[in-house]
Structure formats: structure tokens, C-alpha cells
Protein backbone atom coordinates (compact mmCIF):
# COMPACT_ATOMS: atom_id res chain seq x y z
CA MET A 1 -37.15 -5.27 10.96
CA LYS A 2 -34.28 -7.04 9.93
CA LYS A 3 -33.07 -6.61 5.81
CA ILE A 4 -32.29 -11.22 5.19
CA GLY A 5 -30.68 -11.90 2.74
CA PHE A 6 -28.32 -15.07 1.42
CA LEU A 7 -24.32 -15.03 1.13
CA SER A 8 -22.68 -17.54 -1.31
CA PHE A 9 -19.37 -18.95 -1.30
CA GLY A 10 -20.09 -19.97 -4.95
CA HIS A 11 -18.06 -23.30 -4.53
CA TRP A 12 -18.09 -25.78 -7.41
CA VAL A 13 -16.63 -29.28 -7.59
CA ASP A 14 -17.35 -32.13 -9.89
CA ALA A 15 -17.99 -34.94 -7.90
CA ALA A 16 -20.99 -37.10 -7.22
CA GLY A 17 -24.16 -35.41 -4.94
CA SER A 18 -22.67 -31.82 -6.22
CA GLU A 19 -24.91 -29.51 -8.14
CA ALA A 20 -22.45 -27.42 -9.28
CA ARG A 21 -19.56 -28.83 -11.12
CA SER A 22 -18.79 -26.20 -13.45
CA ALA A 23 -18.27 -22.59 -13.18
CA ALA A 24 -20.79 -22.41 -15.77
CA ASP A 25 -22.77 -23.91 -12.97
CA VAL A 26 -22.07 -21.78 -10.66
CA LEU A 27 -22.34 -18.27 -12.35
CA LEU A 28 -26.02 -19.17 -14.11
CA GLN A 29 -27.33 -21.03 -10.71
CA SER A 30 -26.31 -17.67 -8.40
CA ILE A 31 -28.43 -15.17 -10.73
CA ASP A 32 -31.28 -18.22 -10.87
CA LEU A 33 -30.86 -17.94 -6.89
CA ALA A 34 -30.68 -14.37 -6.74
CA VAL A 35 -33.80 -14.63 -8.88
CA ALA A 36 -36.00 -16.67 -6.13
CA ALA A 37 -34.90 -15.23 -2.99
CA GLU A 38 -36.72 -11.81 -4.80
CA GLU A 39 -39.37 -13.96 -5.32
CA LEU A 40 -39.33 -15.06 -1.97
CA GLY A 41 -39.03 -11.90 -0.17
CA ALA A 42 -35.76 -11.54 0.60
CA ASP A 43 -33.54 -8.44 1.02
CA GLY A 44 -30.38 -9.48 -0.76
CA ALA A 45 -28.28 -12.13 -3.11
CA TYR A 46 -24.14 -11.39 -1.77
CA PHE A 47 -21.97 -12.95 -3.36
CA ARG A 48 -17.77 -13.90 -1.82
CA VAL A 49 -15.40 -13.50 -4.22
CA HIS A 50 -11.64 -14.94 -4.04
CA HIS A 51 -8.64 -16.09 -6.71
CA PHE A 52 -6.89 -18.59 -7.88
CA ALA A 53 -10.02 -20.95 -6.55
CA ARG A 54 -13.11 -22.61 -7.90
CA GLN A 55 -15.25 -19.58 -6.32
CA LEU A 56 -16.45 -16.94 -7.63
CA GLY A 57 -13.72 -14.73 -8.97
CA SER A 58 -15.17 -11.88 -11.13
CA PRO A 59 -18.41 -10.35 -9.62
CA PHE A 60 -18.82 -7.69 -11.65
CA PRO A 61 -20.51 -9.51 -14.27
CA LEU A 62 -22.06 -11.52 -12.31
CA LEU A 63 -23.94 -8.50 -10.12
CA ALA A 64 -24.93 -6.97 -13.62
CA ALA A 65 -26.30 -10.21 -15.01
CA ALA A 66 -28.54 -10.65 -11.41
CA GLY A 67 -29.28 -6.90 -11.39
CA ALA A 68 -31.45 -7.36 -15.23
CA ARG A 69 -32.98 -10.77 -14.08
CA THR A 70 -34.45 -9.19 -11.24
CA ASN A 71 -36.01 -6.11 -10.24
CA ARG A 72 -35.81 -5.14 -6.16
CA ILE A 73 -33.45 -7.27 -4.32
CA GLU A 74 -29.97 -5.87 -3.06
CA LEU A 75 -26.73 -7.13 -4.77
CA GLY A 76 -23.51 -7.41 -3.19
CA THR A 77 -19.98 -8.82 -2.84
CA ALA A 78 -18.45 -10.11 0.81
CA VAL A 79 -15.76 -9.34 0.06
CA ILE A 80 -14.46 -8.19 -3.02
CA ASP A 81 -10.51 -8.54 -1.98
CA MET A 82 -8.65 -4.88 -2.74
CA ARG A 83 -5.42 -6.08 -2.85
CA TYR A 84 -6.36 -6.91 -6.25
CA GLU A 85 -8.00 -4.39 -8.03
CA ASN A 86 -6.90 -1.27 -9.68
CA PRO A 87 -9.48 1.34 -8.71
CA LEU A 88 -10.11 2.93 -11.48
CA TYR A 89 -10.89 0.03 -13.33
CA MET A 90 -13.21 -1.55 -10.50
CA ALA A 91 -15.18 1.23 -10.59
CA GLU A 92 -15.94 2.26 -13.94
CA ASP A 93 -16.96 -1.70 -13.69
CA ALA A 94 -19.10 -1.45 -10.87
CA GLY A 95 -21.03 1.85 -11.82
CA ALA A 96 -21.85 0.06 -15.29
CA ALA A 97 -23.40 -2.69 -12.87
CA ASP A 98 -24.80 -0.81 -10.75
CA LEU A 99 -26.36 0.84 -13.55
CA ILE A 100 -27.48 -1.83 -14.72
CA ALA A 101 -28.86 -3.24 -11.40
CA GLY A 102 -31.59 0.80 -11.25
CA GLY A 103 -29.05 1.66 -7.96
CA ARG A 104 -29.37 -1.82 -5.85
CA LEU A 105 -25.11 -2.76 -5.63
CA GLN A 106 -24.27 -3.29 -2.18
CA LEU A 107 -20.69 -3.61 -2.36
CA GLY A 108 -18.08 -5.16 0.85
CA ILE A 109 -14.53 -4.58 0.07
CA SER A 110 -11.61 -5.62 2.32
CA ARG A 111 -8.20 -5.68 2.37
CA GLY A 112 -8.25 -9.17 1.91
CA SER A 113 -8.08 -12.75 4.03
CA PRO A 114 -5.34 -15.09 3.31
CA GLU A 115 -5.79 -16.68 -0.19
CA GLN A 116 -5.00 -19.78 -2.49
CA ALA A 117 -2.08 -18.63 -4.02
CA VAL A 118 1.09 -16.90 -1.84
CA GLU A 119 0.54 -13.66 -2.98
CA GLY A 120 -1.72 -13.60 -5.53
CA TRP A 121 -2.03 -10.45 -5.80
CA ARG A 122 1.81 -10.06 -7.64
CA HIS A 123 0.48 -11.82 -10.26
CA PHE A 124 -2.35 -9.36 -11.22
CA GLY A 125 0.07 -6.87 -11.05
CA TYR A 126 0.57 -5.11 -7.16
CA GLN A 127 2.49 -4.83 -4.86
CA PRO A 128 2.75 -2.52 -1.82
CA GLY A 129 4.84 0.59 -2.04
CA ASP A 130 8.34 1.10 0.49
CA GLY A 131 7.25 0.54 4.03
CA GLU A 132 3.86 -1.13 3.54
CA SER A 133 1.87 -4.24 3.93
CA ASP A 134 -0.49 -5.44 1.78
CA ALA A 135 -3.39 -4.76 3.98
CA ASP A 136 -1.83 -0.89 3.39
CA MET A 137 -1.92 -1.53 -0.30
CA GLY A 138 -5.73 -3.20 0.22
CA ARG A 139 -6.12 0.00 1.80
CA ARG A 140 -4.89 2.27 -0.63
CA HIS A 141 -6.21 0.66 -3.17
CA ALA A 142 -9.77 1.44 -1.61
CA ARG A 143 -9.02 5.34 -0.53
CA VAL A 144 -8.99 6.03 -4.29
CA LEU A 145 -11.92 3.80 -5.12
CA LEU A 146 -13.58 5.48 -2.69
CA GLU A 147 -12.38 9.22 -3.92
CA LEU A 148 -13.27 7.68 -7.72
CA LEU A 149 -17.04 7.06 -6.72
CA ARG A 150 -17.41 10.85 -5.79
CA GLY A 151 -17.88 11.63 -9.55
CA ARG A 152 -15.60 14.26 -9.28
CA GLY A 153 -13.45 15.52 -12.32
CA PHE A 154 -9.08 14.40 -11.98
CA ALA A 155 -8.04 13.85 -15.47
CA GLN A 156 -7.01 16.55 -17.96
CA PRO A 157 -9.24 16.61 -21.14
CA ASN A 158 -7.77 16.07 -24.29
CA PRO A 159 -7.41 19.19 -26.59
CA ARG A 160 -7.83 17.43 -29.75
CA PRO A 161 -10.57 14.84 -28.46
CA MET A 162 -12.37 11.70 -30.88
CA PHE A 163 -15.92 13.21 -29.13
CA PRO A 164 -16.33 16.57 -27.37
CA ASN A 165 -16.11 17.10 -23.60
CA PRO A 166 -17.63 17.70 -21.15
CA PRO A 167 -16.36 21.44 -19.86
CA GLY A 168 -13.37 21.18 -17.11
CA LEU A 169 -12.25 17.86 -15.64
CA LEU A 170 -12.76 14.42 -16.79
CA ARG A 171 -14.05 11.67 -14.47
CA LEU A 172 -14.57 8.15 -15.02
CA GLU A 173 -17.75 6.84 -16.82
CA PRO A 174 -19.95 5.55 -16.44
CA TYR A 175 -20.74 7.49 -13.29
CA SER A 176 -23.71 5.77 -10.99
CA GLU A 177 -25.25 8.42 -8.42
CA GLY A 178 -24.87 6.97 -4.81
CA LEU A 179 -22.94 4.15 -5.53
CA ARG A 180 -20.36 5.77 -2.96
CA GLU A 181 -22.71 5.40 -0.37
CA ARG A 182 -23.14 1.92 -0.45
CA ILE A 183 -19.43 0.49 0.34
CA TRP A 184 -19.01 -2.00 2.85
CA TRP A 185 -16.16 -2.30 4.98
CA GLY A 186 -15.09 -6.55 5.68
CA ALA A 187 -13.53 -5.54 8.85
CA GLY A 188 -11.73 -8.77 10.83
CA SER A 189 -10.92 -6.46 14.05
CA ASP A 190 -12.55 -3.22 16.34
CA ALA A 191 -9.82 -1.10 14.61
CA THR A 192 -9.99 -1.57 10.78
CA ALA A 193 -14.02 -1.68 11.63
CA VAL A 194 -12.88 2.46 13.37
CA TRP A 195 -10.95 2.96 9.90
CA ALA A 196 -14.40 1.82 7.93
CA ALA A 197 -16.68 4.22 9.94
CA LYS A 198 -14.28 7.21 9.54
CA LEU A 199 -14.54 6.76 6.14
CA GLY A 200 -17.82 6.63 5.52
CA MET A 201 -17.95 2.45 4.57
CA ASN A 202 -21.21 0.59 5.90
CA LEU A 203 -19.97 -2.24 7.79
CA GLN A 204 -19.48 -6.20 6.95
CA SER A 205 -18.56 -7.92 10.26
CA SER A 206 -18.08 -12.28 8.86
CA THR A 207 -18.08 -14.97 11.13
CA LEU A 208 -14.84 -14.79 12.28
CA LYS A 209 -12.45 -11.57 13.77
CA ALA A 210 -9.79 -11.28 15.76
CA ASP A 211 -10.15 -12.63 18.82
CA GLU A 212 -8.94 -8.92 20.88
CA THR A 213 -11.04 -10.21 24.45
CA GLY A 214 -11.37 -14.18 24.44
CA GLU A 215 -15.39 -13.25 25.32
CA PRO A 216 -17.03 -15.58 22.76
CA PHE A 217 -17.73 -14.27 19.33
CA HIS A 218 -21.02 -12.50 19.42
CA VAL A 219 -20.31 -10.80 22.34
CA GLN A 220 -17.40 -9.16 20.64
CA GLN A 221 -18.73 -9.11 17.56
CA ALA A 222 -21.64 -6.99 19.47
CA ALA A 223 -18.59 -4.38 20.92
CA GLN A 224 -16.79 -4.19 17.28
CA ILE A 225 -20.46 -2.93 15.77
CA ARG A 226 -20.75 -0.68 19.42
CA ALA A 227 -17.42 1.37 18.11
CA TYR A 228 -18.07 1.44 15.15
CA ARG A 229 -21.52 3.43 15.44
CA ALA A 230 -19.53 5.50 17.92
CA ALA A 231 -16.29 6.31 15.56
CA TRP A 232 -19.44 7.05 12.53
CA GLN A 233 -20.93 9.42 15.16
CA GLU A 234 -17.77 11.02 16.24
CA ALA A 235 -16.33 11.26 12.13
CA GLY A 236 -19.73 13.37 11.86
CA HIS A 237 -20.97 11.69 9.05
CA ALA A 238 -25.11 11.89 8.39
CA GLY A 239 -27.67 9.33 8.07
CA GLU A 240 -27.06 5.98 10.16
CA PRO A 241 -24.56 3.83 8.87
CA ARG A 242 -25.55 0.18 7.60
CA VAL A 243 -24.33 -3.13 9.36
CA SER A 244 -24.46 -6.38 8.45
CA VAL A 245 -23.00 -9.79 10.04
CA SER A 246 -23.40 -13.06 8.80
CA ARG A 247 -24.07 -16.27 9.94
CA ASN A 248 -24.57 -20.08 9.13
CA ILE A 249 -27.95 -21.12 10.24
CA VAL A 250 -30.32 -24.03 9.08
CA ALA A 251 -33.91 -24.85 10.06
CA LEU A 252 -34.64 -27.99 10.29
CA VAL A 253 -38.20 -28.45 8.70
CA SER A 254 -38.26 -31.71 6.55
CA ASP A 255 -36.80 -34.90 6.30
CA LEU A 256 -34.14 -33.65 3.93
CA ASP A 257 -33.24 -31.20 6.37
CA ARG A 258 -32.69 -33.69 9.06
CA ALA A 259 -30.98 -36.42 6.26
CA TYR A 260 -28.22 -33.26 5.63
CA PHE A 261 -28.04 -31.04 8.50
CA GLY A 262 -29.92 -33.97 11.33
CA GLN A 263 -26.36 -33.79 13.15
CA GLY A 264 -26.52 -30.44 14.05
CA GLY A 265 -23.70 -27.52 13.25
CA GLU A 266 -21.11 -26.26 14.97
CA ASP A 267 -22.36 -24.81 18.41
CA ALA A 268 -19.70 -23.82 20.27
CA ASP A 269 -17.32 -20.68 18.95
CA GLN A 270 -14.30 -22.11 17.07
CA ILE A 271 -10.30 -20.94 17.74
CA GLY A 272 -7.57 -20.50 14.49
CA TYR A 273 -4.65 -18.54 13.12
CA LEU A 274 -4.80 -16.22 10.37
CA GLY A 275 -1.03 -16.00 9.45
CA GLU A 276 -0.36 -12.61 10.45
CA ALA A 277 -3.19 -12.05 12.27
CA GLY A 278 -2.90 -14.13 14.83
CA ARG A 279 -5.45 -15.85 16.56
CA ALA A 280 -8.42 -15.37 15.27
CA ILE A 281 -12.97 -16.39 16.95
CA PHE A 282 -15.11 -17.97 14.18
CA GLY A 283 -18.56 -17.90 14.88
CA ARG A 284 -20.62 -20.73 15.48
CA SER A 285 -23.41 -22.13 13.39
CA TYR A 286 -27.13 -21.73 14.00
CA VAL A 287 -28.81 -25.60 12.99
CA ALA A 288 -32.29 -26.98 14.82
CA GLU A 289 -35.54 -27.01 14.27
CA PRO A 290 -37.29 -23.67 14.17
CA ASP A 291 -38.69 -22.88 17.42
CA VAL A 292 -34.73 -23.99 19.06
CA LEU A 293 -33.33 -22.04 16.50
CA VAL A 294 -35.29 -18.65 17.61
CA GLU A 295 -34.25 -19.01 21.47
CA GLN A 296 -30.78 -19.52 19.84
CA LEU A 297 -30.79 -16.37 18.19
CA ARG A 298 -32.38 -14.55 20.32
CA GLN A 299 -29.37 -14.90 22.67
CA ASP A 300 -26.92 -13.86 19.53
CA GLU A 301 -26.12 -9.74 20.60
CA ALA A 302 -24.51 -9.19 17.41
CA ILE A 303 -27.11 -10.50 15.46
CA ALA A 304 -29.47 -8.06 17.48
CA GLU A 305 -26.84 -5.36 16.55
CA ALA A 306 -27.05 -5.45 13.19
CA ASP A 307 -29.67 -4.37 10.72
CA THR A 308 -29.15 -7.22 7.88
CA LEU A 309 -28.39 -10.62 7.76
CA LEU A 310 -26.61 -12.88 5.69
CA ILE A 311 -27.41 -16.70 5.18
CA THR A 312 -24.86 -18.92 4.08
CA VAL A 313 -25.87 -20.75 1.49
CA PRO A 314 -24.44 -24.47 0.58
CA ASN A 315 -24.46 -23.57 -3.17
CA GLN A 316 -23.53 -27.25 -4.99
CA PHE A 317 -27.10 -28.58 -3.15
CA GLY A 318 -28.70 -26.52 -6.03
CA VAL A 319 -30.40 -23.58 -6.85
CA ALA A 320 -34.32 -25.36 -5.43
CA TYR A 321 -32.48 -26.79 -2.24
CA ASN A 322 -30.90 -23.20 -1.10
CA ALA A 323 -34.05 -21.25 -1.61
CA HIS A 324 -35.67 -24.06 0.28
CA LEU A 325 -33.01 -23.55 3.32
CA LEU A 326 -33.66 -19.72 2.76
CA GLU A 327 -37.57 -20.10 3.11
CA ALA A 328 -37.60 -21.93 5.58
CA ILE A 329 -35.68 -18.91 8.04
CA LEU A 330 -38.11 -16.56 6.15
CA VAL A 331 -40.97 -18.01 7.43
CA HIS A 332 -40.53 -20.29 10.18
CA VAL A 333 -38.18 -18.04 12.43
CA ALA A 334 -38.11 -14.29 11.01
CA PRO A 335 -41.46 -13.41 12.19
CA ALA A 336 -41.23 -15.29 15.37
CA LEU A 337 -37.90 -13.09 16.27
CA GLY A 338 -39.64 -9.57 14.68
CA TRP A 339 -37.29 -9.59 12.16
CA ARG A 340 -40.97 -9.92 9.90
């Protein structure tokens, strides 16, 4: 069995053929797609977060709204760039959204990726400390958030408060029990995956990572997952961590599918460069008839290692078509692979 969800980048563009022409379109359609995915029996609705871009930049209102419209499906991010975040404010927003959703948030966070704006986090009021890189700053913010989500008091109460205080030091409110265990780290290297395991975070491994061995992407990603799980055990954490991978997967089951995607996808890994991170490897796409797709996916070692698969969706095609793409995977592919 495997949890299967969608991952939306939330693009909008005012152009012919786009069903998502404004921020309002994307936000409202994202909620509707979460509802549709739940009705289809999918397990998760996840959203990418990017600033200074025509994409989803403020996840918590969206997650709260989707939480109010759904009952079962997990609601998450992949990922929130912690270089841009005030951990205290984020803890309050996340707690509120999680309570509205009934404890279904699965928050993917990370040190961030290259953004639209040069050092965009500076405009949000953050800058690395002495001797820190921006990545170090993002990880520092993440550690503060994790501590806040434990719900321990840390603020000295006012002796003359406006309202009566509970005894002891004050914590942030609203507090949502269990959210700390539902934080995921988006790791782009083996070392950061091990770091996440030591801190007790779940692992999100995306469609790109540092090219550390020259092996195929899925082989490197599978090795990253095994290193993460070994570090989790060595750290002595209770329970089993969760691991997700994301893939571009399209099952061609209709003439419209073939018209849109019949030319296929990228059937080989791609190599790129991510600034100071250096050489990176990008995972291939899977676009084929269901029987071919099943055999291709059987060979993906990282999907086999993960318990959760996030399928990227072309959100600009609208809710109905994206729900169709997800249903095609759930009906024609997942059962044949033993995921359902």
C-alpha cells in the first residue's frame, strides 16, 4: 500500500488555453481540487510555495480553507522556504490551520531553492547572521519552529495581563497537538536528509537532488532514503518516519490525454546546475499507456522505497482535467502495482 496525492505548483497566467488566469482562480481551484481528490480516494493534496512568482506564496489561508471543505485527505506543502519565515508567526498560523483541518496538515519545509528575486528573503526582513549562509539561516529558522511546535512555555507572563494567564511560562497559541510529528524536510542531498532524520522530521525527496554519484536519479534518491532511515534509527526516534517522492506521471487513457501528452515526457534524467549547490540531477517524467506505465514505475527504486507518492499536476488545465489525471493513476496504475 502507498499513499498517493497530488502536488500543485499553482501557476497562473492570463493566456489562451489557461484555466487558471489569476491568483483567485488558482486559490479557489486548489481548494476544489483537494475536494475532488478526496472524493476520488486520493490521500493527499500538497502545494508548492514560491515567493515573488505567480504561484502559491501564502499557504496557510489555502490549507485552512481546504481543511474546512474536506474531511479525510492530508493537506500539505512541498515546500515552504524557511529563509522567508518568522518561525513564531508560522507556528501560530500552522497551529490554526491544523486545528481547522482536524490535525491533517503535513508541512514540508526546507532551506529553499533558487527563487525569482535575488536574495528575496532580505525583503522579508531576514538576513544570515555572522558566518551564516542563507541555507544556514533557513535551517536555523526550522530548528526554532520545531522547538515551538513542542508546545512548551517560554515567554514570561505579564504580572498585569489583559486576561488571566495559565500558570507558568506562556507558549504560542493556538497550539495543535501532534503537528510537530507532521513536519517534513525537503532534502536535496544525502547530508541534509541525514540532518532531517537526526531532528526527527519526515523526509520529502523531490524530483531533483544534488548529483552525488553519477548514478541514475532514482538510484541516488533510493540511497538517500536508506541513509535517512538509518540515521533515524541511529538517533533513537520512536516510530517509523514517513518518506515521500514526487513524480510527473501521466497515464494516457483518453484521446484528450494523447492530444496533450501523446508525444511523451522526458524519458531520461536531466542534468542542471543550481547555483552554489552545483550539479543537480532531475528525475525523468513518466507518460505512457497504463500497461507500459506500470512496468516503467516498477523499475523506479525510490518510489519503491517511499511510502508516499506525490503526482505533479498541470494545474492550468483546470480542476476537472486534473482530477481525471489523478483518477487515471488511482484506477489504472496503482492497483496493478499493489499500491491499492
